[in-house]
């Protein structure tokens, strides 16, 4: 029971410091993660909305969409292992 209370306390930031707690900011604030966050923000707020982009489909837009779709499928197939997300739990 004490471990369950500690676990719930950790979930709601009510427990003491964990020895590995100092490693979390180093992982979160790494250059890779900050760059990914900035790139995502630029794409989200800078790119046109999908509805606006597809209102008038031209041949170049259609070809670009198909090429990106095929590339995404190829990248999924190129990696070897795709576990179901809840399989980890």
N, C-alpha and C. Protein backbone atom coordinates (compact mmCIF):
# COMPACT_ATOMS: atom_id res chain seq x y z
N UNK A 1 0.82 -1.20 0.00
CA UNK A 1 0.00 0.00 0.00
C UNK A 1 0.87 1.27 0.00
N UNK A 2 1.98 1.29 0.75
CA UNK A 2 2.80 2.51 0.71
C UNK A 2 3.33 2.82 -0.70
N UNK A 3 3.66 1.79 -1.47
CA UNK A 3 4.13 2.02 -2.83
C UNK A 3 3.03 2.61 -3.70
N UNK A 4 1.80 2.16 -3.49
CA UNK A 4 0.67 2.70 -4.26
C UNK A 4 0.46 4.17 -3.92
N UNK A 5 0.57 4.52 -2.67
CA UNK A 5 0.43 5.92 -2.25
C UNK A 5 1.55 6.76 -2.85
N UNK A 6 2.79 6.23 -2.84
CA UNK A 6 3.90 6.95 -3.44
C UNK A 6 3.69 7.14 -4.94
N UNK A 7 3.17 6.11 -5.59
CA UNK A 7 2.92 6.18 -7.03
C UNK A 7 1.88 7.26 -7.34
N UNK A 8 0.79 7.25 -6.58
CA UNK A 8 -0.25 8.28 -6.79
C UNK A 8 0.29 9.67 -6.47
N UNK A 9 1.12 9.77 -5.44
CA UNK A 9 1.72 11.04 -5.11
C UNK A 9 2.63 11.54 -6.22
N UNK A 10 3.36 10.64 -6.84
CA UNK A 10 4.24 11.02 -7.94
C UNK A 10 3.43 11.49 -9.15
N UNK A 11 2.27 10.88 -9.35
CA UNK A 11 1.42 11.29 -10.47
C UNK A 11 0.91 12.71 -10.30
N UNK A 12 0.71 13.12 -9.08
CA UNK A 12 0.18 14.45 -8.82
C UNK A 12 1.21 15.37 -8.19
N UNK A 13 2.50 15.06 -8.37
CA UNK A 13 3.62 15.88 -7.91
C UNK A 13 3.59 16.13 -6.41
N UNK A 14 3.18 15.15 -5.65
CA UNK A 14 3.12 15.30 -4.20
C UNK A 14 4.22 14.53 -3.48
N UNK A 15 5.05 13.84 -4.23
CA UNK A 15 6.08 13.04 -3.57
C UNK A 15 7.40 13.79 -3.59
N UNK A 16 8.35 13.25 -2.89
CA UNK A 16 9.67 13.85 -2.83
C UNK A 16 10.42 13.68 -4.15
N UNK A 17 11.62 14.20 -4.17
CA UNK A 17 12.41 14.12 -5.39
C UNK A 17 12.87 12.69 -5.65
N UNK A 18 12.76 12.32 -6.87
CA UNK A 18 13.23 11.01 -7.31
C UNK A 18 14.67 11.18 -7.79
N UNK A 19 15.54 10.20 -7.60
CA UNK A 19 16.93 10.35 -8.04
C UNK A 19 17.09 10.67 -9.52
N UNK A 20 16.19 10.21 -10.35
CA UNK A 20 16.31 10.46 -11.79
C UNK A 20 15.60 11.73 -12.23
N UNK A 21 15.04 12.49 -11.28
CA UNK A 21 14.27 13.68 -11.64
C UNK A 21 15.14 14.74 -12.31
N UNK A 22 16.42 14.77 -12.01
CA UNK A 22 17.30 15.76 -12.63
C UNK A 22 17.58 15.46 -14.09
N UNK A 23 17.33 14.23 -14.53
CA UNK A 23 17.58 13.87 -15.92
C UNK A 23 16.45 14.31 -16.84
N UNK A 24 15.27 14.52 -16.31
CA UNK A 24 14.11 14.85 -17.14
C UNK A 24 14.30 16.17 -17.88
N UNK A 25 14.68 17.26 -17.21
CA UNK A 25 14.88 18.51 -17.97
C UNK A 25 15.97 18.38 -19.04
N UNK A 26 16.99 17.60 -18.76
CA UNK A 26 18.03 17.40 -19.75
C UNK A 26 17.53 16.69 -21.00
N UNK A 27 16.57 15.82 -20.83
CA UNK A 27 15.98 15.13 -21.98
C UNK A 27 14.95 16.00 -22.69
N UNK A 28 14.13 16.67 -21.93
CA UNK A 28 13.06 17.48 -22.53
C UNK A 28 13.62 18.69 -23.26
N UNK A 29 14.59 19.34 -22.67
CA UNK A 29 15.12 20.57 -23.25
C UNK A 29 16.34 20.32 -24.12
N UNK A 30 16.45 19.15 -24.70
CA UNK A 30 17.56 18.88 -25.61
C UNK A 30 17.33 19.63 -26.92
N UNK A 31 18.39 19.82 -27.67
CA UNK A 31 18.31 20.55 -28.93
C UNK A 31 17.35 19.87 -29.91
N UNK A 32 17.36 18.55 -29.93
CA UNK A 32 16.47 17.81 -30.82
C UNK A 32 15.00 18.08 -30.49
N UNK A 33 14.64 18.00 -29.21
CA UNK A 33 13.24 18.19 -28.83
C UNK A 33 12.79 19.64 -29.02
N UNK A 34 13.65 20.58 -28.71
CA UNK A 34 13.28 21.98 -28.93
C UNK A 34 13.16 22.29 -30.42
N UNK A 35 14.05 21.74 -31.23
CA UNK A 35 13.95 21.93 -32.68
C UNK A 35 12.69 21.33 -33.25
N UNK A 36 12.33 20.14 -32.77
CA UNK A 36 11.10 19.50 -33.22
C UNK A 36 9.88 20.33 -32.82
N UNK A 37 9.88 20.87 -31.62
CA UNK A 37 8.77 21.71 -31.17
C UNK A 37 8.66 22.97 -32.02
N UNK A 38 9.79 23.60 -32.32
CA UNK A 38 9.77 24.82 -33.14
C UNK A 38 9.30 24.50 -34.56
N UNK A 39 9.79 23.40 -35.13
CA UNK A 39 9.36 23.00 -36.47
C UNK A 39 7.85 22.71 -36.50
N UNK A 40 7.34 22.02 -35.48
CA UNK A 40 5.91 21.74 -35.41
C UNK A 40 5.10 23.03 -35.31
N UNK A 41 5.57 23.98 -34.52
CA UNK A 41 4.86 25.26 -34.39
C UNK A 41 4.84 26.01 -35.72
N UNK A 42 5.96 25.99 -36.44
CA UNK A 42 6.00 26.67 -37.74
C UNK A 42 5.04 26.01 -38.72
N UNK A 43 5.00 24.69 -38.72
CA UNK A 43 4.10 23.98 -39.63
C UNK A 43 2.64 24.24 -39.26
N UNK A 44 2.33 24.20 -37.97
CA UNK A 44 0.95 24.38 -37.53
C UNK A 44 0.44 25.78 -37.83
N UNK A 45 1.23 26.79 -37.51
CA UNK A 45 0.73 28.16 -37.67
C UNK A 45 1.12 28.79 -39.00
N UNK A 46 2.04 28.19 -39.73
CA UNK A 46 2.48 28.79 -40.98
C UNK A 46 1.91 28.13 -42.22
N UNK A 47 1.60 26.86 -42.15
CA UNK A 47 1.10 26.14 -43.33
C UNK A 47 -0.38 26.45 -43.55
N UNK A 48 -0.82 26.33 -44.80
CA UNK A 48 -2.25 26.56 -45.05
C UNK A 48 -3.09 25.41 -44.46
N UNK A 49 -4.31 25.73 -44.13
CA UNK A 49 -5.21 24.71 -43.61
C UNK A 49 -5.57 23.73 -44.72
N UNK A 50 -5.82 22.50 -44.35
CA UNK A 50 -6.10 21.46 -45.33
C UNK A 50 -7.33 21.80 -46.16
N UNK A 51 -8.35 22.33 -45.52
CA UNK A 51 -9.58 22.67 -46.24
C UNK A 51 -9.28 23.71 -47.32
N UNK A 52 -8.50 24.73 -46.96
CA UNK A 52 -8.16 25.76 -47.94
C UNK A 52 -7.27 25.21 -49.05
N UNK A 53 -6.37 24.30 -48.70
CA UNK A 53 -5.44 23.73 -49.67
C UNK A 53 -6.16 22.85 -50.69
N UNK A 54 -7.18 22.13 -50.25
CA UNK A 54 -7.85 21.19 -51.15
C UNK A 54 -9.11 21.76 -51.80
N UNK A 55 -9.45 22.99 -51.55
CA UNK A 55 -10.64 23.57 -52.18
C UNK A 55 -10.49 23.62 -53.70
N UNK A 56 -9.30 23.93 -54.15
CA UNK A 56 -9.04 23.97 -55.59
C UNK A 56 -7.84 23.08 -55.89
N UNK A 57 -8.11 21.83 -56.18
CA UNK A 57 -7.04 20.89 -56.50
C UNK A 57 -6.61 21.07 -57.95
N UNK A 58 -5.33 21.26 -58.11
CA UNK A 58 -4.75 21.31 -59.46
C UNK A 58 -3.91 20.04 -59.63
N UNK A 59 -3.45 19.81 -60.86
CA UNK A 59 -2.63 18.61 -61.09
C UNK A 59 -1.34 18.63 -60.27
N UNK A 60 -0.62 19.74 -60.16
CA UNK A 60 0.59 19.72 -59.33
C UNK A 60 0.30 19.41 -57.85
N UNK A 61 -0.79 19.95 -57.32
CA UNK A 61 -1.15 19.66 -55.93
C UNK A 61 -1.51 18.19 -55.76
N UNK A 62 -2.26 17.65 -56.70
CA UNK A 62 -2.67 16.25 -56.62
C UNK A 62 -1.45 15.32 -56.70
N UNK A 63 -0.53 15.62 -57.58
CA UNK A 63 0.68 14.81 -57.70
C UNK A 63 1.51 14.90 -56.42
N UNK A 64 1.62 16.11 -55.84
CA UNK A 64 2.38 16.27 -54.59
C UNK A 64 1.74 15.47 -53.47
N UNK A 65 0.43 15.48 -53.38
CA UNK A 65 -0.27 14.72 -52.33
C UNK A 65 -0.03 13.22 -52.51
N UNK A 66 -0.15 12.72 -53.73
CA UNK A 66 0.05 11.29 -53.98
C UNK A 66 1.49 10.89 -53.69
N UNK A 67 2.45 11.72 -54.11
CA UNK A 67 3.87 11.41 -53.85
C UNK A 67 4.14 11.37 -52.35
N UNK A 68 3.63 12.32 -51.61
CA UNK A 68 3.83 12.33 -50.15
C UNK A 68 3.17 11.14 -49.48
N UNK A 69 2.00 10.76 -49.98
CA UNK A 69 1.32 9.59 -49.42
C UNK A 69 2.12 8.32 -49.66
N UNK A 70 2.61 8.14 -50.89
CA UNK A 70 3.41 6.96 -51.20
C UNK A 70 4.71 6.96 -50.40
N UNK A 71 5.33 8.12 -50.23
CA UNK A 71 6.54 8.22 -49.42
C UNK A 71 6.27 7.84 -47.96
N UNK A 72 5.14 8.29 -47.42
CA UNK A 72 4.79 7.94 -46.04
C UNK A 72 4.57 6.44 -45.89
N UNK A 73 3.90 5.82 -46.85
CA UNK A 73 3.68 4.37 -46.80
C UNK A 73 5.01 3.63 -46.93
N UNK A 74 5.90 4.11 -47.80
CA UNK A 74 7.21 3.48 -47.97
C UNK A 74 8.03 3.58 -46.68
N UNK A 75 7.97 4.72 -46.01
CA UNK A 75 8.71 4.87 -44.76
C UNK A 75 8.15 3.96 -43.67
N UNK A 76 6.85 3.77 -43.66
CA UNK A 76 6.26 2.84 -42.70
C UNK A 76 6.71 1.41 -42.97
N UNK A 77 6.79 1.06 -44.23
CA UNK A 77 7.21 -0.29 -44.58
C UNK A 77 8.70 -0.52 -44.41
N UNK A 78 9.50 0.55 -44.43
CA UNK A 78 10.95 0.42 -44.35
C UNK A 78 11.43 0.07 -42.94
N UNK A 79 10.67 0.49 -41.95
CA UNK A 79 11.06 0.15 -40.58
C UNK A 79 10.57 -1.24 -40.26
N UNK A 80 11.24 -1.87 -39.31
CA UNK A 80 11.00 -3.30 -39.12
C UNK A 80 9.91 -3.64 -38.11
N UNK A 81 9.65 -2.79 -37.14
CA UNK A 81 8.77 -3.20 -36.05
C UNK A 81 7.81 -2.07 -35.70
N UNK A 82 6.52 -2.33 -35.76
CA UNK A 82 5.49 -1.35 -35.41
C UNK A 82 4.54 -1.98 -34.40
N UNK A 83 4.86 -1.92 -33.11
CA UNK A 83 3.96 -2.53 -32.14
C UNK A 83 2.70 -1.69 -31.97
N UNK A 84 1.65 -2.35 -31.61
CA UNK A 84 0.43 -1.65 -31.26
C UNK A 84 0.71 -0.80 -30.02
N UNK A 85 0.23 0.43 -29.99
CA UNK A 85 0.61 1.38 -28.94
C UNK A 85 0.30 0.85 -27.54
N UNK A 86 -0.81 0.15 -27.37
CA UNK A 86 -1.17 -0.33 -26.05
C UNK A 86 -0.50 -1.65 -25.68
N UNK A 87 0.24 -2.21 -26.63
CA UNK A 87 0.98 -3.42 -26.34
C UNK A 87 2.07 -3.16 -25.31
N UNK A 88 2.57 -1.93 -25.27
CA UNK A 88 3.63 -1.56 -24.32
C UNK A 88 3.10 -1.63 -22.88
N UNK A 89 1.85 -1.29 -22.69
CA UNK A 89 1.29 -1.26 -21.34
C UNK A 89 0.83 -2.64 -20.98
